[in-house]
Amino acid sequence: MSTSRGNIASSDISTSTTGTAGHALVTGAGSGIGAAIVADLAAHGWEVTGVDVRQDALDAVLAEVRERTGATTHALVGDLGDESFARDAVAVAWERRPLDALVNAAGVYPAIPFLEITPAQWDRVQHVNVRAVLLATQELGRRAVAAGRTPAVVNITSGAARAARPGTAHYSTSKAALTLLTQASAVELGPAGIRVNAVAPGFVDVDSPVNPVTPEYATAVRRNVLPGRAEPGDIASAVRFLLGPDARWVSGTTLSVDGGASGGTTALPQHWPTTTSTQQPATSAAAAASGAPAAAPAPAPTVPHLSEVSA
């Protein structure tokens, strides 16, 4: 079936009667974390409408999801940072079936040195990472409040919202804004029963031509408290939890899924002695009584000054 409204056209392919868990709108569904969220929700009984700016990528993801899960899926192609598209996209999805969830997973991460960021590059990152979330969540909120429904919203932010990294001034700023947008929208939509939360991934092992990283960077970020890297499915599982009934009393919260990186780092070298002894040296009095020479005190372990430790 094809549906048109305003400036968008959508298509849906229904291959089963799944969807008992609800109807979710997932942005950035054509690759990476967004695609993993679509697959995870579909596998757990959700009907899913995926949104992306890339028609071919989105169609490929949804086709694979239908083949693997038999789920009902729908595709919407366009830019949710455009006000008219955001309004029409949410309307088309809602009129097909009222939404029970919105997952804002679309995002861009072009690493650019601070002194080289152009106004256009800055605006693009804020447009995709913040403005699109604002518009989509507003449209969902208006419809939900009018209908007396209580959908849940999950935004995908980042550990970069808490700590800046080289080349990410525009990205870190956008994700910090998204973290506060999550809290502010949770405060205002909460009285209507609408929960809004966020998931903050660390480095995720995603093959992305849009947001590539260098091999050196990938190696460095493997130094998590937990070894290795997250996979997109790890983020998807956290999203599904926040959308579900087990999180009914959770709102305005950002859940870190980063291998422990937000709690500390193992990148610093060890600075304590590798071996310790529980034996105490003989006292001078005991040594004198036995006629043995007094034991020399053990040297204190050398602890480097902070300036000697490099990350």
C-alpha atoms as a PDB file:
ATOM      1  CA  MET A   1       0.000   0.000   0.000  1.00  0.00           C
ATOM      2  CA  SER A   2       1.246   3.488  -0.767  1.00  0.00           C
ATOM      3  CA  THR A   3       0.348   6.586   1.199  1.00  0.00           C
ATOM      4  CA  SER A   4       1.002  10.207   0.312  1.00  0.00           C
ATOM      5  CA  ARG A   5       0.701  13.318   2.397  1.00  0.00           C
ATOM      6  CA  GLY A   6       2.097  16.769   1.826  1.00  0.00           C
ATOM      7  CA  ASN A   7       5.615  16.546   0.487  1.00  0.00           C
ATOM      8  CA  ILE A   8       6.323  12.888   1.286  1.00  0.00           C
ATOM      9  CA  ALA A   9       5.399   9.487  -0.033  1.00  0.00           C
ATOM     10  CA  SER A  10       5.627   6.289   1.971  1.00  0.00           C
ATOM     11  CA  SER A  11       5.236   2.608   1.346  1.00  0.00           C
ATOM     12  CA  ASP A  12       4.662  -0.300   3.654  1.00  0.00           C
ATOM     13  CA  ILE A  13       4.991  -4.023   3.220  1.00  0.00           C
ATOM     14  CA  SER A  14       3.063  -6.085   5.736  1.00  0.00           C
ATOM     15  CA  THR A  15       4.155  -9.704   5.845  1.00  0.00           C
ATOM     16  CA  SER A  16       2.725 -10.842   9.168  1.00  0.00           C
ATOM     17  CA  THR A  17       0.438  -9.956  12.026  1.00  0.00           C
ATOM     18  CA  THR A  18       3.315  -8.971  14.297  1.00  0.00           C
ATOM     19  CA  GLY A  19       3.280  -5.656  16.097  1.00  0.00           C
ATOM     20  CA  THR A  20       1.753  -6.756  19.374  1.00  0.00           C
ATOM     21  CA  ALA A  21       4.429  -4.830  21.300  1.00  0.00           C
ATOM     22  CA  GLY A  22       3.428  -1.577  19.616  1.00  0.00           C
ATOM     23  CA  HIS A  23       4.314   0.728  16.747  1.00  0.00           C
ATOM     24  CA  ALA A  24       7.717   2.449  16.777  1.00  0.00           C
ATOM     25  CA  LEU A  25       9.099   5.223  14.597  1.00  0.00           C
ATOM     26  CA  VAL A  26      12.893   4.896  14.291  1.00  0.00           C
ATOM     27  CA  THR A  27      15.024   7.578  12.648  1.00  0.00           C
ATOM     28  CA  GLY A  28      18.405   6.926  11.069  1.00  0.00           C
ATOM     29  CA  ALA A  29      17.077   3.472  10.253  1.00  0.00           C
ATOM     30  CA  GLY A  30      19.158   2.924   7.125  1.00  0.00           C
ATOM     31  CA  SER A  31      22.406   1.902   8.812  1.00  0.00           C
ATOM     32  CA  GLY A  32      24.395   1.495  12.012  1.00  0.00           C
ATOM     33  CA  ILE A  33      22.690   1.830  15.368  1.00  0.00           C
ATOM     34  CA  GLY A  34      19.364   2.849  13.835  1.00  0.00           C
ATOM     35  CA  ALA A  35      19.247  -0.276  11.671  1.00  0.00           C
ATOM     36  CA  ALA A  36      20.100  -2.436  14.685  1.00  0.00           C
ATOM     37  CA  ILE A  37      17.273  -0.862  16.667  1.00  0.00           C
ATOM     38  CA  VAL A  38      14.816  -1.590  13.855  1.00  0.00           C
ATOM     39  CA  ALA A  39      15.941  -5.225  13.731  1.00  0.00           C
ATOM     40  CA  ASP A  40      15.821  -5.651  17.505  1.00  0.00           C
ATOM     41  CA  LEU A  41      12.370  -4.144  17.940  1.00  0.00           C
ATOM     42  CA  ALA A  42      10.984  -6.128  15.005  1.00  0.00           C
ATOM     43  CA  ALA A  43      12.362  -9.338  16.489  1.00  0.00           C
ATOM     44  CA  HIS A  44      10.554  -8.560  19.745  1.00  0.00           C
ATOM     45  CA  GLY A  45       7.099  -7.992  18.328  1.00  0.00           C
ATOM     46  CA  TRP A  46       7.155  -4.340  17.276  1.00  0.00           C
ATOM     47  CA  GLU A  47       5.735  -2.899  14.080  1.00  0.00           C
ATOM     48  CA  VAL A  48       8.368  -0.444  12.846  1.00  0.00           C
ATOM     49  CA  THR A  49       8.340   2.638  10.660  1.00  0.00           C
ATOM     50  CA  GLY A  50      11.874   3.512   9.617  1.00  0.00           C
ATOM     51  CA  VAL A  51      12.973   6.978   8.527  1.00  0.00           C
ATOM     52  CA  ASP A  52      16.153   7.858   6.650  1.00  0.00           C
ATOM     53  CA  VAL A  53      17.361  10.243   3.963  1.00  0.00           C
ATOM     54  CA  ARG A  54      18.753   7.326   1.926  1.00  0.00           C
ATOM     55  CA  GLN A  55      16.053   5.387   0.094  1.00  0.00           C
ATOM     56  CA  ASP A  56      18.210   2.447  -1.037  1.00  0.00           C
ATOM     57  CA  ALA A  57      19.831   1.914   2.360  1.00  0.00           C
ATOM     58  CA  LEU A  58      16.505   2.076   4.179  1.00  0.00           C
ATOM     59  CA  ASP A  59      14.784  -0.307   1.772  1.00  0.00           C
ATOM     60  CA  ALA A  60      17.628  -2.818   2.135  1.00  0.00           C
ATOM     61  CA  VAL A  61      17.470  -2.759   5.939  1.00  0.00           C
ATOM     62  CA  LEU A  62      13.707  -3.162   6.069  1.00  0.00           C
ATOM     63  CA  ALA A  63      13.745  -5.952   3.493  1.00  0.00           C
ATOM     64  CA  GLU A  64      16.266  -7.903   5.543  1.00  0.00           C
ATOM     65  CA  VAL A  65      14.280  -7.315   8.732  1.00  0.00           C
ATOM     66  CA  ARG A  66      11.086  -8.579   7.120  1.00  0.00           C
ATOM     67  CA  GLU A  67      12.857 -11.646   5.780  1.00  0.00           C
ATOM     68  CA  ARG A  68      14.386 -12.503   9.153  1.00  0.00           C
ATOM     69  CA  THR A  69      11.494 -11.649  11.467  1.00  0.00           C
ATOM     70  CA  GLY A  70       8.322 -11.511   9.397  1.00  0.00           C
ATOM     71  CA  ALA A  71       7.632  -8.121  10.957  1.00  0.00           C
ATOM     72  CA  THR A  72       5.468  -5.378   9.532  1.00  0.00           C
ATOM     73  CA  THR A  73       7.627  -2.455   8.410  1.00  0.00           C
ATOM     74  CA  HIS A  74       7.090   0.895   6.738  1.00  0.00           C
ATOM     75  CA  ALA A  75       9.516   3.311   5.089  1.00  0.00           C
ATOM     76  CA  LEU A  76       9.562   7.109   5.119  1.00  0.00           C
ATOM     77  CA  VAL A  77      12.314   8.919   3.234  1.00  0.00           C
ATOM     78  CA  GLY A  78      13.283  12.480   4.032  1.00  0.00           C
ATOM     79  CA  ASP A  79      14.911  14.947   6.418  1.00  0.00           C
ATOM     80  CA  LEU A  80      13.218  15.245   9.802  1.00  0.00           C
ATOM     81  CA  GLY A  81      15.069  18.510  10.350  1.00  0.00           C
ATOM     82  CA  ASP A  82      12.713  19.975   7.754  1.00  0.00           C
ATOM     83  CA  GLU A  83       9.627  21.206   9.583  1.00  0.00           C
ATOM     84  CA  SER A  84       7.091  20.218   6.943  1.00  0.00           C
ATOM     85  CA  PHE A  85       8.579  16.746   6.497  1.00  0.00           C
ATOM     86  CA  ALA A  86       8.669  16.138  10.253  1.00  0.00           C
ATOM     87  CA  ARG A  87       5.020  17.115  10.540  1.00  0.00           C
ATOM     88  CA  ASP A  88       3.926  14.967   7.610  1.00  0.00           C
ATOM     89  CA  ALA A  89       6.103  11.974   8.515  1.00  0.00           C
ATOM     90  CA  VAL A  90       4.711  11.700  12.023  1.00  0.00           C
ATOM     91  CA  ALA A  91       1.202  12.225  10.649  1.00  0.00           C
ATOM     92  CA  VAL A  92       1.551   9.436   8.073  1.00  0.00           C
ATOM     93  CA  ALA A  93       2.963   7.030  10.644  1.00  0.00           C
ATOM     94  CA  TRP A  94       0.320   7.942  13.230  1.00  0.00           C
ATOM     95  CA  GLU A  95      -2.598   7.654  10.817  1.00  0.00           C
ATOM     96  CA  ARG A  96      -1.418   4.206   9.805  1.00  0.00           C
ATOM     97  CA  ARG A  97      -1.310   3.231  13.464  1.00  0.00           C
ATOM     98  CA  PRO A  98      -0.856   5.443  16.567  1.00  0.00           C
ATOM     99  CA  LEU A  99       2.757   5.483  17.699  1.00  0.00           C
ATOM    100  CA  ASP A 100       3.847   3.872  20.945  1.00  0.00           C
ATOM    101  CA  ALA A 101       7.520   4.790  20.610  1.00  0.00           C
ATOM    102  CA  LEU A 102       9.879   7.234  18.939  1.00  0.00           C
ATOM    103  CA  VAL A 103      13.601   6.473  18.714  1.00  0.00           C
ATOM    104  CA  ASN A 104      15.718   9.373  17.497  1.00  0.00           C
ATOM    105  CA  ALA A 105      18.818   7.557  16.245  1.00  0.00           C
ATOM    106  CA  ALA A 106      19.802   9.684  13.243  1.00  0.00           C
ATOM    107  CA  GLY A 107      23.082  11.511  13.665  1.00  0.00           C
ATOM    108  CA  VAL A 108      26.221  12.675  11.884  1.00  0.00           C
ATOM    109  CA  TYR A 109      29.785  12.761  13.203  1.00  0.00           C
ATOM    110  CA  PRO A 110      32.248  14.400  10.788  1.00  0.00           C
ATOM    111  CA  ALA A 111      35.526  14.788  12.705  1.00  0.00           C
ATOM    112  CA  ILE A 112      36.888  18.279  11.981  1.00  0.00           C
ATOM    113  CA  PRO A 113      39.579  20.255  13.863  1.00  0.00           C
ATOM    114  CA  PHE A 114      38.112  23.130  15.873  1.00  0.00           C
ATOM    115  CA  LEU A 115      39.805  25.885  13.848  1.00  0.00           C
ATOM    116  CA  GLU A 116      38.563  24.388  10.577  1.00  0.00           C
ATOM    117  CA  ILE A 117      34.838  24.011  11.356  1.00  0.00           C
ATOM    118  CA  THR A 118      32.806  26.157   8.977  1.00  0.00           C
ATOM    119  CA  PRO A 119      29.419  27.656   9.862  1.00  0.00           C
ATOM    120  CA  ALA A 120      27.818  25.333   7.304  1.00  0.00           C
ATOM    121  CA  GLN A 121      29.406  22.254   8.891  1.00  0.00           C
ATOM    122  CA  TRP A 122      28.363  23.433  12.351  1.00  0.00           C
ATOM    123  CA  ASP A 123      24.792  24.042  11.217  1.00  0.00           C
ATOM    124  CA  ARG A 124      24.511  20.642   9.520  1.00  0.00           C
ATOM    125  CA  VAL A 125      25.488  18.758  12.676  1.00  0.00           C
ATOM    126  CA  GLN A 126      23.061  20.747  14.841  1.00  0.00           C
ATOM    127  CA  HIS A 127      20.349  20.300  12.188  1.00  0.00           C
ATOM    128  CA  VAL A 128      20.584  16.508  12.160  1.00  0.00           C
ATOM    129  CA  ASN A 129      21.555  15.832  15.769  1.00  0.00           C
ATOM    130  CA  VAL A 130      19.331  18.350  17.583  1.00  0.00           C
ATOM    131  CA  ARG A 131      16.773  20.131  15.399  1.00  0.00           C
ATOM    132  CA  ALA A 132      15.404  16.919  13.868  1.00  0.00           C
ATOM    133  CA  VAL A 133      14.928  15.419  17.332  1.00  0.00           C
ATOM    134  CA  LEU A 134      13.124  18.542  18.527  1.00  0.00           C
ATOM    135  CA  LEU A 135      10.720  18.579  15.586  1.00  0.00           C
ATOM    136  CA  ALA A 136       9.942  14.858  15.618  1.00  0.00           C
ATOM    137  CA  THR A 137       9.386  14.793  19.377  1.00  0.00           C
ATOM    138  CA  GLN A 138       7.166  17.872  19.255  1.00  0.00           C
ATOM    139  CA  GLU A 139       4.986  16.363  16.534  1.00  0.00           C
ATOM    140  CA  LEU A 140       4.671  13.091  18.435  1.00  0.00           C
ATOM    141  CA  GLY A 141       3.947  14.907  21.683  1.00  0.00           C
ATOM    142  CA  ARG A 142       1.172  17.040  20.209  1.00  0.00           C
ATOM    143  CA  ARG A 143      -0.627  14.044  18.745  1.00  0.00           C
ATOM    144  CA  ALA A 144      -0.154  11.897  21.836  1.00  0.00           C
ATOM    145  CA  VAL A 145      -1.459  14.558  24.210  1.00  0.00           C
ATOM    146  CA  ALA A 146      -4.488  15.219  21.995  1.00  0.00           C
ATOM    147  CA  ALA A 147      -5.260  11.493  21.804  1.00  0.00           C
ATOM    148  CA  GLY A 148      -4.566  10.772  25.468  1.00  0.00           C
ATOM    149  CA  ARG A 149      -1.833   8.277  24.595  1.00  0.00           C
ATOM    150  CA  THR A 150       1.480   7.754  26.380  1.00  0.00           C
ATOM    151  CA  PRO A 151       4.285   6.795  23.981  1.00  0.00           C
ATOM    152  CA  ALA A 152       7.913   6.602  25.084  1.00  0.00           C
ATOM    153  CA  VAL A 153      10.806   8.453  23.462  1.00  0.00           C
ATOM    154  CA  VAL A 154      14.473   7.427  23.407  1.00  0.00           C
ATOM    155  CA  ASN A 155      17.186   9.688  22.010  1.00  0.00           C
ATOM    156  CA  ILE A 156      20.634   8.431  21.032  1.00  0.00           C
ATOM    157  CA  THR A 157      23.195  10.810  22.478  1.00  0.00           C
ATOM    158  CA  SER A 158      26.881  10.067  23.160  1.00  0.00           C
ATOM    159  CA  GLY A 159      29.614   9.890  25.741  1.00  0.00           C
ATOM    160  CA  ALA A 160      31.039  12.868  23.852  1.00  0.00           C
ATOM    161  CA  ALA A 161      28.328  14.953  25.518  1.00  0.00           C
ATOM    162  CA  ARG A 162      30.221  14.656  28.815  1.00  0.00           C
ATOM    163  CA  ALA A 163      33.834  14.958  27.678  1.00  0.00           C
ATOM    164  CA  ALA A 164      35.225  16.758  24.651  1.00  0.00           C
ATOM    165  CA  ARG A 165      37.520  14.987  22.225  1.00  0.00           C
ATOM    166  CA  PRO A 166      39.746  16.426  19.495  1.00  0.00           C
ATOM    167  CA  GLY A 167      37.842  17.140  16.314  1.00  0.00           C
ATOM    168  CA  THR A 168      34.394  16.955  17.910  1.00  0.00           C
ATOM    169  CA  ALA A 169      33.515  20.495  19.024  1.00  0.00           C
ATOM    170  CA  HIS A 170      30.421  20.584  16.813  1.00  0.00           C
ATOM    171  CA  TYR A 171      29.425  16.982  17.576  1.00  0.00           C
ATOM    172  CA  SER A 172      30.019  17.127  21.343  1.00  0.00           C
ATOM    173  CA  THR A 173      28.051  20.369  21.538  1.00  0.00           C
ATOM    174  CA  SER A 174      25.130  18.814  19.668  1.00  0.00           C
ATOM    175  CA  LYS A 175      25.053  15.767  21.928  1.00  0.00           C
ATOM    176  CA  ALA A 176      25.293  17.869  25.081  1.00  0.00           C
ATOM    177  CA  ALA A 177      22.334  19.853  23.780  1.00  0.00           C
ATOM    178  CA  LEU A 178      20.473  16.614  23.080  1.00  0.00           C
ATOM    179  CA  THR A 179      21.090  15.407  26.632  1.00  0.00           C
ATOM    180  CA  LEU A 180      19.498  18.577  28.029  1.00  0.00           C
ATOM    181  CA  LEU A 181      16.718  18.416  25.438  1.00  0.00           C
ATOM    182  CA  THR A 182      15.974  14.911  26.716  1.00  0.00           C
ATOM    183  CA  GLN A 183      15.660  16.188  30.272  1.00  0.00           C
ATOM    184  CA  ALA A 184      13.650  19.284  29.359  1.00  0.00           C
ATOM    185  CA  SER A 185      11.165  17.373  27.210  1.00  0.00           C
ATOM    186  CA  ALA A 186      10.820  14.706  29.913  1.00  0.00           C
ATOM    187  CA  VAL A 187       9.917  17.408  32.438  1.00  0.00           C
ATOM    188  CA  GLU A 188       7.281  18.989  30.206  1.00  0.00           C
ATOM    189  CA  LEU A 189       5.793  15.830  28.709  1.00  0.00           C
ATOM    190  CA  GLY A 190       5.887  13.809  31.923  1.00  0.00           C
ATOM    191  CA  PRO A 191       2.575  15.116  33.299  1.00  0.00           C
ATOM    192  CA  ALA A 192       0.922  13.664  30.186  1.00  0.00           C
ATOM    193  CA  GLY A 193       2.501  10.278  30.921  1.00  0.00           C
ATOM    194  CA  ILE A 194       5.068  10.500  28.115  1.00  0.00           C
ATOM    195  CA  ARG A 195       8.528   9.257  29.118  1.00  0.00           C
ATOM    196  CA  VAL A 196      11.672  10.618  27.447  1.00  0.00           C
ATOM    197  CA  ASN A 197      15.095   9.052  27.989  1.00  0.00           C
ATOM    198  CA  ALA A 198      18.415   8.774  26.198  1.00  0.00           C
ATOM    199  CA  VAL A 199      21.094   6.176  25.578  1.00  0.00           C
ATOM    200  CA  ALA A 200      24.717   7.361  25.471  1.00  0.00           C
ATOM    201  CA  PRO A 201      26.902   4.879  23.606  1.00  0.00           C
ATOM    202  CA  GLY A 202      30.646   4.838  23.776  1.00  0.00           C
ATOM    203  CA  PHE A 203      32.551   3.762  20.669  1.00  0.00           C
ATOM    204  CA  VAL A 204      30.424   1.294  18.714  1.00  0.00           C
ATOM    205  CA  ASP A 205      31.791  -1.078  16.090  1.00  0.00           C
ATOM    206  CA  VAL A 206      29.830   0.220  13.106  1.00  0.00           C
ATOM    207  CA  ASP A 207      30.971   0.111   9.493  1.00  0.00           C
ATOM    208  CA  SER A 208      29.846   3.547   8.398  1.00  0.00           C
ATOM    209  CA  PRO A 209      30.898   5.390   5.247  1.00  0.00           C
ATOM    210  CA  VAL A 210      29.152   8.472   6.640  1.00  0.00           C
ATOM    211  CA  ASN A 211      30.973   8.661   9.975  1.00  0.00           C
ATOM    212  CA  PRO A 212      34.343   6.906   9.501  1.00  0.00           C
ATOM    213  CA  VAL A 213      37.127   6.779  12.097  1.00  0.00           C
ATOM    214  CA  THR A 214      40.824   6.119  11.646  1.00  0.00           C
ATOM    215  CA  PRO A 215      42.390   2.774  12.679  1.00  0.00           C
ATOM    216  CA  GLU A 216      44.474   4.624  15.283  1.00  0.00           C
ATOM    217  CA  TYR A 217      41.370   6.080  16.889  1.00  0.00           C
ATOM    218  CA  ALA A 218      39.602   2.720  16.853  1.00  0.00           C
ATOM    219  CA  THR A 219      42.588   1.129  18.614  1.00  0.00           C
ATOM    220  CA  ALA A 220      42.739   3.830  21.271  1.00  0.00           C
ATOM    221  CA  VAL A 221      39.069   3.630  22.204  1.00  0.00           C
ATOM    222  CA  ARG A 222      39.268  -0.130  22.747  1.00  0.00           C
ATOM    223  CA  ARG A 223      40.896   0.693  26.093  1.00  0.00           C
ATOM    224  CA  ASN A 224      37.622   0.570  27.959  1.00  0.00           C
ATOM    225  CA  VAL A 225      37.119  -0.697  31.473  1.00  0.00           C
ATOM    226  CA  LEU A 226      35.554  -3.673  29.702  1.00  0.00           C
ATOM    227  CA  PRO A 227      37.804  -4.844  26.864  1.00  0.00           C
ATOM    228  CA  GLY A 228      36.663  -4.597  23.268  1.00  0.00           C
ATOM    229  CA  ARG A 229      33.974  -2.486  21.651  1.00  0.00           C
ATOM    230  CA  ALA A 230      30.207  -2.351  21.716  1.00  0.00           C
ATOM    231  CA  GLU A 231      28.147  -3.682  18.857  1.00  0.00           C
ATOM    232  CA  PRO A 232      25.006  -1.937  17.595  1.00  0.00           C
ATOM    233  CA  GLY A 233      22.886  -4.667  19.179  1.00  0.00           C
ATOM    234  CA  ASP A 234      24.120  -3.652  22.634  1.00  0.00           C
ATOM    235  CA  ILE A 235      22.655  -0.201  22.104  1.00  0.00           C
ATOM    236  CA  ALA A 236      19.449  -1.626  20.653  1.00  0.00           C
ATOM    237  CA  SER A 237      18.879  -3.777  23.744  1.00  0.00           C
ATOM    238  CA  ALA A 238      19.200  -0.733  25.991  1.00  0.00           C
ATOM    239  CA  VAL A 239      16.724   1.180  23.842  1.00  0.00           C
ATOM    240  CA  ARG A 240      14.210  -1.658  23.992  1.00  0.00           C
ATOM    241  CA  PHE A 241      14.481  -1.719  27.789  1.00  0.00           C
ATOM    242  CA  LEU A 242      13.764   2.009  28.034  1.00  0.00           C
ATOM    243  CA  LEU A 243      10.747   1.654  25.748  1.00  0.00           C
ATOM    244  CA  GLY A 244       9.305  -1.264  27.677  1.00  0.00           C
ATOM    245  CA  PRO A 245       7.219  -1.703  30.828  1.00  0.00           C
ATOM    246  CA  ASP A 246      10.237  -2.491  33.012  1.00  0.00           C
ATOM    247  CA  ALA A 247      11.257   1.166  32.597  1.00  0.00           C
ATOM    248  CA  ARG A 248       7.816   2.563  33.400  1.00  0.00           C
ATOM    249  CA  TRP A 249       9.246   4.724  36.215  1.00  0.00           C
ATOM    250  CA  VAL A 250      12.311   5.907  34.295  1.00  0.00           C
ATOM    251  CA  SER A 251      12.254   9.298  32.581  1.00  0.00           C
ATOM    252  CA  GLY A 252      14.690  12.137  31.968  1.00  0.00           C
ATOM    253  CA  THR A 253      17.583   9.704  32.320  1.00  0.00           C
ATOM    254  CA  THR A 254      20.602   9.071  30.113  1.00  0.00           C
ATOM    255  CA  LEU A 255      21.755   5.450  30.200  1.00  0.00           C
ATOM    256  CA  SER A 256      25.452   5.040  29.402  1.00  0.00           C
ATOM    257  CA  VAL A 257      26.295   1.945  27.359  1.00  0.00           C
ATOM    258  CA  ASP A 258      30.022   2.464  27.016  1.00  0.00           C
ATOM    259  CA  GLY A 259      31.900  -0.446  28.557  1.00  0.00           C
ATOM    260  CA  GLY A 260      32.451   1.515  31.751  1.00  0.00           C
ATOM    261  CA  ALA A 261      34.234   4.408  30.036  1.00  0.00           C
ATOM    262  CA  SER A 262      32.085   7.014  31.775  1.00  0.00           C
ATOM    263  CA  GLY A 263      33.202   5.662  35.135  1.00  0.00           C
ATOM    264  CA  GLY A 264      36.927   5.694  34.479  1.00  0.00           C
ATOM    265  CA  THR A 265      39.707   4.586  32.165  1.00  0.00           C
ATOM    266  CA  THR A 266      42.326   1.876  31.972  1.00  0.00           C
ATOM    267  CA  ALA A 267      44.434   3.893  29.524  1.00  0.00           C
ATOM    268  CA  LEU A 268      46.745   5.180  32.283  1.00  0.00           C
ATOM    269  CA  PRO A 269      49.747   3.009  33.190  1.00  0.00           C
ATOM    270  CA  GLN A 270      49.766   1.012  36.412  1.00  0.00           C
ATOM    271  CA  HIS A 271      51.431   3.038  39.158  1.00  0.00           C
ATOM    272  CA  TRP A 272      51.367   0.718  42.156  1.00  0.00           C
ATOM    273  CA  PRO A 273      53.870  -2.025  43.112  1.00  0.00           C
ATOM    274  CA  THR A 274      53.319  -5.280  41.245  1.00  0.00           C
ATOM    275  CA  THR A 275      54.118  -7.364  44.360  1.00  0.00           C
ATOM    276  CA  THR A 276      53.494  -6.741  48.040  1.00  0.00           C
ATOM    277  CA  SER A 277      54.578  -8.617  51.160  1.00  0.00           C
ATOM    278  CA  THR A 278      52.635  -9.198  54.340  1.00  0.00           C
ATOM    279  CA  GLN A 279      55.798 -10.025  56.284  1.00  0.00           C
ATOM    280  CA  GLN A 280      56.999  -7.315  58.638  1.00  0.00           C
ATOM    281  CA  PRO A 281      60.742  -6.789  59.283  1.00  0.00           C
ATOM    282  CA  ALA A 282      62.042  -7.881  62.688  1.00  0.00           C
ATOM    283  CA  THR A 283      62.030  -5.116  65.272  1.00  0.00           C
ATOM    284  CA  SER A 284      65.333  -3.756  66.519  1.00  0.00           C
ATOM    285  CA  ALA A 285      64.634  -5.168  69.987  1.00  0.00           C
ATOM    286  CA  ALA A 286      63.960  -8.668  68.659  1.00  0.00           C
ATOM    287  CA  ALA A 287      67.024  -8.500  66.449  1.00  0.00           C
ATOM    288  CA  ALA A 288      69.193  -7.387  69.371  1.00  0.00           C
ATOM    289  CA  ALA A 289      67.895 -10.218  71.552  1.00  0.00           C
ATOM    290  CA  SER A 290      68.785 -12.763  68.895  1.00  0.00           C
ATOM    291  CA  GLY A 291      72.144 -11.197  68.191  1.00  0.00           C
ATOM    292  CA  ALA A 292      71.161 -10.642  64.544  1.00  0.00           C
ATOM    293  CA  PRO A 293      71.634  -7.285  62.840  1.00  0.00           C
ATOM    294  CA  ALA A 294      68.508  -5.172  62.543  1.00  0.00           C
ATOM    295  CA  ALA A 295      66.734  -5.424  59.196  1.00  0.00           C
ATOM    296  CA  ALA A 296      66.856  -2.339  57.023  1.00  0.00           C
ATOM    297  CA  PRO A 297      63.439  -0.784  56.441  1.00  0.00           C
ATOM    298  CA  ALA A 298      61.875  -1.620  53.077  1.00  0.00           C
ATOM    299  CA  PRO A 299      62.026   1.253  50.595  1.00  0.00           C
ATOM    300  CA  ALA A 300      58.742   3.028  49.975  1.00  0.00           C
ATOM    301  CA  PRO A 301      57.157   2.237  46.594  1.00  0.00           C
ATOM    302  CA  THR A 302      57.786   4.844  43.958  1.00  0.00           C
ATOM    303  CA  VAL A 303      54.608   6.563  42.843  1.00  0.00           C
ATOM    304  CA  PRO A 304      54.985   8.887  39.865  1.00  0.00           C
ATOM    305  CA  HIS A 305      53.807  12.446  40.059  1.00  0.00           C
ATOM    306  CA  LEU A 306      50.673  13.176  38.080  1.00  0.00           C
ATOM    307  CA  SER A 307      52.770  15.009  35.507  1.00  0.00           C
ATOM    308  CA  GLU A 308      54.651  11.776  34.819  1.00  0.00           C
ATOM    309  CA  VAL A 309      51.504   9.889  33.882  1.00  0.00           C
ATOM    310  CA  SER A 310      50.227  10.351  30.365  1.00  0.00           C
ATOM    311  CA  ALA A 311      46.920   9.205  28.929  1.00  0.00           C
END
